[in-house]
Every structure is written in structure tokens, then in C-alpha cells.
Amino acid sequence: MSDLDHDDLGAEFPANTIEIHDDADLLADAAAERFVDVIVAAQAERGHASVALTGGSDGIRLLERVRQTPGAIDWSTLYVYWGDERFVPVGDKDRNELQAREALLDFVPLDPAHVFPIAPSDGAYGSPEEAAAAYAQLVHTELDERGEFDLTVLGMGPEGHINSLFPHSPAVQETTDYVVAVHDCPKPPPTRVTMTLPAVHRSRHVMLVVSGEGKAAAVAAAVNDASPDEIPSAGAVGIESTTWVIDEPAATGLLLDEE
């Protein structure tokens, strides 16, 4: 593993830290260790902790590793949210919630009242806009009561998208609302509900977990001050820390920069 420190993405945010691991498995182990450390530290300091989860192969592999090595997490005082969700029926295999439950959540003693999935398409709301408005209200209420998210976990697509914030989309350009509906996503399923960059910025710690050479160009652009409109992951910054946990293939552009 190697560490690189890069310049601030903005005066109000601390610098990026980049951890580079040999492969996706070691990346997942390291990300799981950081996940546990951040949550345990928050619980020790405040008596509770909160996390916004992501989907995707890297995000789910991380949760599987946490299941294997949960450390000292007090699951009864962990509050769980999702950064985005596909607006599909409950139980659909594309649901980030379902994948997270199968990887971790159904195997640990969480308080069900502390788990906040985004509504499915066959739930209480008839449109993604209604589901987004309801989740936005929930997020505002929870943040007002307990303070910022302790950890937001993000994967990234090859074009730099995070959550369901795609380049040049109205969602990534949103500056006020914490949660919005998304239509016509370039990656199926096309209809989604997503937290926005203003919501990500309410996180003490942000961790981006990224593997694969196909994402190397977006990683390099994001940590070298790309516009979030061009590379949405460039806008993913935490209040106290922003950590990129990546494998060597995803770091190709960074390693070239360091030569």
C-alpha cells in the first residue's frame, strides 16, 4: 500500500488522502478496517454513529468484509442511510438496500428503527419525486437531531459518477436540496433517488472505494481539481477527511503523475 496527499479541493475542506492497495481484495480489507474505525470512534465520542451506504461491486464487497470482521461496532447505536437507490419494487435485485442486507445488515444486531431505506417504487410514494422529498425531509430531521453523518461511503463509475450523480446532470448541479429524483440515468435502471453533493458535504468523513483500470482517468481527474459537473466524484469531500481507497489499476493516472 502507498499513501499520497493532494491539495485541498476547497479552503473549507481538508486535503484528500489516497491509499493505494495491490488489488481489489486488499482494497476491500482496508476499506472495511476504516469503516469500523470511523464508526467505533464516533460511538466512543458521541454514543452513536451514522453511515450513508453505497451500492456497486466495491461498496458491497466492503460490507461483506465488515461482516467478517465487525470489530467493536455497537450495532444498536448505528444509524444507517443510503446515498442513492434505484426506484424499483421492494425485493428487486437492483435495490441497493437488498444488496446491503444480504452482504451485512441482516447478519448484525441493528435496531430496525435506526435503518432508513429509500422508498421502493411499490411503496408509500407514487413517484420518485415524492420518495425523494420524503427522504430529504428525513435526512434534514436526522441531521438536525444527531448532527452530521459520521461516514459516507461512495463507489465511483468510470465516468466519475457517485451515488446517482452523473456528469452534467441536474442532480449533480443541485446546490440546495439534499435528495432529488433522477430520470434517464445512462446506467440502468434509469429512474433513481439520490442524495446530492450538499448532503455528502454534511459528512464528517467521506470514503471513496474504487477499483479497476477503467476508472483510473476519473480518479486522477477528481483528485486534481476537476469540476464536479464534469467529474462528480471531485465534489465528494468530507468535513474532517476525504479518503480514496483504491487499487493499483485505478491509481494508474496518479502513479504516472508522481513519476
Protein backbone atom coordinates (compact mmCIF):
# COMPACT_ATOMS: atom_id res chain seq x y z
CA MET A 1 0.00 0.00 0.00
CA SER A 2 1.10 3.57 -0.57
CA ASP A 3 -0.31 6.90 0.59
CA LEU A 4 -0.43 10.17 -1.35
CA ASP A 5 -1.58 13.55 -0.05
CA HIS A 6 -3.06 16.00 -2.55
CA ASP A 7 -4.01 19.65 -2.41
CA ASP A 8 -7.24 20.92 -0.90
CA LEU A 9 -10.37 20.77 -3.03
CA GLY A 10 -11.53 23.93 -1.27
CA ALA A 11 -10.44 26.07 1.62
CA GLU A 12 -13.22 24.79 3.87
CA PHE A 13 -12.32 21.12 3.38
CA PRO A 14 -9.19 19.16 4.36
CA ALA A 15 -6.88 17.61 1.78
CA ASN A 16 -7.51 14.26 0.12
CA THR A 17 -5.72 11.19 1.36
CA ILE A 18 -5.21 8.45 -1.22
CA GLU A 19 -4.48 4.86 -0.17
CA ILE A 20 -3.31 2.58 -2.97
CA HIS A 21 -3.59 -1.20 -2.49
CA ASP A 22 -2.32 -4.04 -4.65
CA ASP A 23 -5.71 -5.41 -5.67
CA ALA A 24 -9.47 -5.18 -5.09
CA ASP A 25 -9.42 -7.72 -2.25
CA LEU A 26 -6.80 -5.84 -0.25
CA LEU A 27 -8.66 -2.63 -1.04
CA ALA A 28 -11.85 -4.10 0.45
CA ASP A 29 -9.99 -5.21 3.58
CA ALA A 30 -8.53 -1.74 4.10
CA ALA A 31 -11.85 -0.01 3.43
CA ALA A 32 -13.62 -2.30 5.91
CA GLU A 33 -10.99 -1.51 8.53
CA ARG A 34 -11.52 2.22 8.02
CA PHE A 35 -15.30 1.78 8.11
CA VAL A 36 -15.05 0.08 11.50
CA ASP A 37 -12.52 2.56 12.89
CA VAL A 38 -14.61 5.61 11.96
CA ILE A 39 -17.83 4.17 13.36
CA VAL A 40 -16.22 2.96 16.60
CA ALA A 41 -14.52 6.32 17.15
CA ALA A 42 -17.79 8.19 16.59
CA GLN A 43 -19.64 5.94 19.02
CA ALA A 44 -16.94 6.43 21.62
CA GLU A 45 -17.17 10.20 21.23
CA ARG A 46 -20.92 10.73 20.90
CA GLY A 47 -22.59 7.47 21.93
CA HIS A 48 -23.94 6.80 18.42
CA ALA A 49 -22.82 6.88 14.79
CA SER A 50 -24.34 7.25 11.34
CA VAL A 51 -23.34 5.98 7.92
CA ALA A 52 -24.63 6.54 4.40
CA LEU A 53 -24.05 3.41 2.31
CA THR A 54 -23.42 2.93 -1.38
CA GLY A 55 -24.15 0.12 -3.81
CA GLY A 56 -21.98 -1.28 -6.58
CA SER A 57 -19.45 -4.07 -6.50
CA ASP A 58 -16.85 -2.21 -4.45
CA GLY A 59 -19.37 -0.98 -1.91
CA ILE A 60 -20.97 -4.38 -1.41
CA ARG A 61 -17.58 -6.14 -1.19
CA LEU A 62 -16.71 -3.67 1.58
CA LEU A 63 -19.87 -4.60 3.51
CA GLU A 64 -19.08 -8.29 3.15
CA ARG A 65 -15.66 -7.66 4.70
CA VAL A 66 -17.22 -5.71 7.58
CA ARG A 67 -19.49 -8.70 8.19
CA GLN A 68 -16.42 -10.92 8.51
CA THR A 69 -14.51 -8.53 10.78
CA PRO A 70 -17.02 -6.25 12.53
CA GLY A 71 -14.58 -5.11 15.19
CA ALA A 72 -16.07 -3.25 18.15
CA ILE A 73 -19.07 -1.64 16.43
CA ASP A 74 -22.10 -1.24 18.67
CA TRP A 75 -24.74 -2.06 16.09
CA SER A 76 -27.58 -0.97 18.36
CA THR A 77 -26.46 2.67 18.16
CA LEU A 78 -25.63 2.77 14.43
CA TYR A 79 -27.96 4.73 12.14
CA VAL A 80 -27.94 3.55 8.52
CA TYR A 81 -28.89 5.55 5.42
CA TRP A 82 -28.37 5.14 1.69
CA GLY A 83 -26.71 7.60 -0.65
CA ASP A 84 -28.94 6.53 -3.52
CA GLU A 85 -31.43 3.91 -4.58
CA ARG A 86 -32.87 2.51 -7.75
CA PHE A 87 -36.60 3.29 -7.90
CA VAL A 88 -37.68 -0.32 -8.34
CA PRO A 89 -40.01 -2.58 -6.33
CA VAL A 90 -39.07 -3.85 -2.89
CA GLY A 91 -37.13 -7.09 -3.20
CA ASP A 92 -35.84 -6.25 -6.68
CA LYS A 93 -32.25 -7.48 -7.10
CA ASP A 94 -31.21 -3.99 -8.24
CA ARG A 95 -32.14 -2.45 -4.88
CA ASN A 96 -29.07 -1.21 -3.02
CA GLU A 97 -30.95 -1.90 0.19
CA LEU A 98 -31.42 -5.58 -0.68
CA GLN A 99 -27.75 -5.99 -1.62
CA ALA A 100 -26.62 -4.33 1.60
CA ARG A 101 -28.91 -6.52 3.67
CA GLU A 102 -27.62 -9.67 2.01
CA ALA A 103 -24.00 -8.56 2.45
CA LEU A 104 -24.15 -7.29 6.05
CA LEU A 105 -27.24 -5.75 7.56
CA ASP A 106 -29.28 -8.93 8.03
CA PHE A 107 -26.41 -10.51 9.97
CA VAL A 108 -25.78 -7.87 12.64
CA PRO A 109 -28.00 -6.73 15.55
CA LEU A 110 -29.11 -3.37 14.17
CA ASP A 111 -32.11 -1.64 15.69
CA PRO A 112 -34.67 -1.72 12.83
CA ALA A 113 -35.80 1.76 13.86
CA HIS A 114 -32.32 3.04 13.01
CA VAL A 115 -32.30 1.76 9.42
CA PHE A 116 -33.64 4.20 6.83
CA PRO A 117 -34.02 2.78 3.30
CA ILE A 118 -35.22 4.94 0.44
CA ALA A 119 -38.78 4.05 -0.55
CA PRO A 120 -39.26 1.50 -3.36
CA SER A 121 -41.43 2.11 -6.40
CA ASP A 122 -44.22 -0.02 -4.93
CA GLY A 123 -44.05 1.66 -1.53
CA ALA A 124 -45.86 4.60 0.01
CA TYR A 125 -44.96 7.08 -2.74
CA GLY A 126 -46.18 7.01 -6.30
CA SER A 127 -43.27 8.82 -7.91
CA PRO A 128 -39.53 9.18 -7.39
CA GLU A 129 -40.08 12.89 -6.72
CA GLU A 130 -42.36 12.05 -3.78
CA ALA A 131 -39.91 9.46 -2.50
CA ALA A 132 -37.04 11.96 -2.80
CA ALA A 133 -38.97 14.67 -0.94
CA ALA A 134 -39.77 12.27 1.88
CA TYR A 135 -36.16 11.12 2.19
CA ALA A 136 -34.92 14.70 2.08
CA GLN A 137 -37.20 15.57 4.99
CA LEU A 138 -35.94 12.51 6.88
CA VAL A 139 -32.31 13.45 6.27
CA HIS A 140 -32.88 17.05 7.39
CA THR A 141 -34.62 15.88 10.57
CA GLU A 142 -31.99 13.29 11.41
CA LEU A 143 -29.08 15.65 10.79
CA ASP A 144 -30.73 18.33 12.91
CA GLU A 145 -31.18 15.85 15.77
CA ARG A 146 -27.86 13.99 15.69
CA GLY A 147 -25.53 16.16 13.66
CA GLU A 148 -23.58 15.32 10.53
CA PHE A 149 -23.21 11.86 9.06
CA ASP A 150 -20.12 10.27 10.55
CA LEU A 151 -19.27 8.42 7.35
CA THR A 152 -20.43 8.49 3.75
CA VAL A 153 -19.20 5.57 1.64
CA LEU A 154 -19.08 6.08 -2.12
CA GLY A 155 -18.21 3.96 -5.11
CA MET A 156 -17.46 5.55 -8.45
CA GLY A 157 -18.28 4.81 -12.08
CA PRO A 158 -15.78 5.04 -14.94
CA GLU A 159 -17.10 8.49 -15.90
CA GLY A 160 -16.75 9.67 -12.31
CA HIS A 161 -20.34 9.35 -11.08
CA ILE A 162 -21.09 8.84 -7.39
CA ASN A 163 -24.45 7.89 -5.90
CA SER A 164 -26.70 8.63 -8.90
CA LEU A 165 -24.97 11.92 -9.68
CA PHE A 166 -23.86 11.71 -13.31
CA PRO A 167 -21.80 14.30 -15.24
CA HIS A 168 -23.70 17.38 -16.44
CA SER A 169 -26.95 16.18 -14.85
CA PRO A 170 -29.41 18.35 -12.93
CA ALA A 171 -28.77 16.16 -9.87
CA VAL A 172 -25.03 16.87 -9.73
CA GLN A 173 -25.72 20.57 -10.28
CA GLU A 174 -28.15 20.71 -7.34
CA THR A 175 -26.96 23.16 -4.69
CA THR A 176 -29.79 23.17 -2.14
CA ASP A 177 -31.88 20.02 -1.88
CA TYR A 178 -30.33 17.05 -0.09
CA VAL A 179 -32.21 14.40 -2.09
CA VAL A 180 -33.61 14.50 -5.63
CA ALA A 181 -35.22 12.22 -8.19
CA VAL A 182 -33.21 11.18 -11.23
CA HIS A 183 -34.61 10.14 -14.60
CA ASP A 184 -32.93 8.77 -17.73
CA CYS A 185 -29.73 7.64 -15.98
CA PRO A 186 -27.16 6.48 -18.53
CA LYS A 187 -26.74 3.34 -16.43
CA PRO A 188 -29.82 1.13 -15.87
CA PRO A 189 -32.18 1.12 -14.13
CA PRO A 190 -32.85 4.68 -15.33
CA THR A 191 -35.07 6.00 -12.52
CA ARG A 192 -33.49 6.63 -9.14
CA VAL A 193 -33.48 8.68 -5.95
CA THR A 194 -30.17 10.14 -4.84
CA MET A 195 -28.51 12.24 -2.20
CA THR A 196 -26.79 15.28 -3.69
CA LEU A 197 -23.42 16.90 -3.09
CA PRO A 198 -24.90 19.20 -0.39
CA ALA A 199 -25.85 16.05 1.54
CA VAL A 200 -22.42 14.48 1.03
CA HIS A 201 -20.91 17.69 2.40
CA ARG A 202 -22.77 17.05 5.67
CA SER A 203 -20.44 14.11 6.35
CA ARG A 204 -17.56 14.25 8.80
CA HIS A 205 -15.71 11.59 6.83
CA VAL A 206 -16.09 10.60 3.19
CA MET A 207 -14.54 7.39 1.85
CA LEU A 208 -14.44 6.60 -1.86
CA VAL A 209 -13.80 2.93 -2.65
CA VAL A 210 -12.71 2.43 -6.26
CA SER A 211 -11.14 -0.43 -8.20
CA GLY A 212 -10.23 -1.09 -11.82
CA GLU A 213 -8.12 0.45 -14.55
CA GLY A 214 -11.23 1.68 -16.34
CA LYS A 215 -11.71 4.24 -13.55
CA ALA A 216 -8.12 5.49 -13.45
CA ALA A 217 -8.71 8.59 -15.58
CA ALA A 218 -11.67 9.68 -13.46
CA VAL A 219 -9.73 9.12 -10.22
CA ALA A 220 -6.84 11.25 -11.47
CA ALA A 221 -9.18 14.00 -12.65
CA ALA A 222 -11.18 14.02 -9.41
CA VAL A 223 -8.19 14.43 -7.11
CA ASN A 224 -6.62 17.04 -9.37
CA ASP A 225 -9.40 19.61 -9.06
CA ALA A 226 -11.75 18.62 -11.86
CA SER A 227 -15.13 20.32 -11.90
CA PRO A 228 -17.79 18.25 -10.12
CA ASP A 229 -20.05 18.92 -13.08
CA GLU A 230 -17.50 17.11 -15.27
CA ILE A 231 -16.40 14.51 -12.70
CA PRO A 232 -18.98 14.29 -9.89
CA SER A 233 -16.62 12.44 -7.55
CA ALA A 234 -14.46 15.58 -7.46
CA GLY A 235 -17.19 17.15 -5.34
CA ALA A 236 -17.25 14.34 -2.77
CA VAL A 237 -15.45 15.89 0.19
CA GLY A 238 -15.88 15.44 3.91
CA ILE A 239 -15.74 17.98 6.72
CA GLU A 240 -12.88 16.25 8.56
CA SER A 241 -11.47 13.84 5.98
CA THR A 242 -11.79 12.60 2.42
CA THR A 243 -10.12 9.25 1.80
CA TRP A 244 -9.74 7.48 -1.53
CA VAL A 245 -9.16 3.76 -1.02
CA ILE A 246 -8.20 2.41 -4.45
CA ASP A 247 -6.31 -0.44 -6.07
CA GLU A 248 -3.22 -0.11 -8.25
CA PRO A 249 -5.13 -0.34 -11.56
CA ALA A 250 -7.40 2.54 -10.51
CA ALA A 251 -4.33 4.52 -9.45
CA THR A 252 -2.58 4.34 -12.82
CA GLY A 253 -3.07 8.02 -13.60
CA LEU A 254 -1.95 9.10 -10.12
CA LEU A 255 1.19 6.99 -10.23
CA LEU A 256 2.10 8.48 -13.58
CA ASP A 257 1.61 11.93 -12.12
CA GLU A 258 4.01 11.12 -9.28
CA GLU A 259 6.83 9.95 -11.58
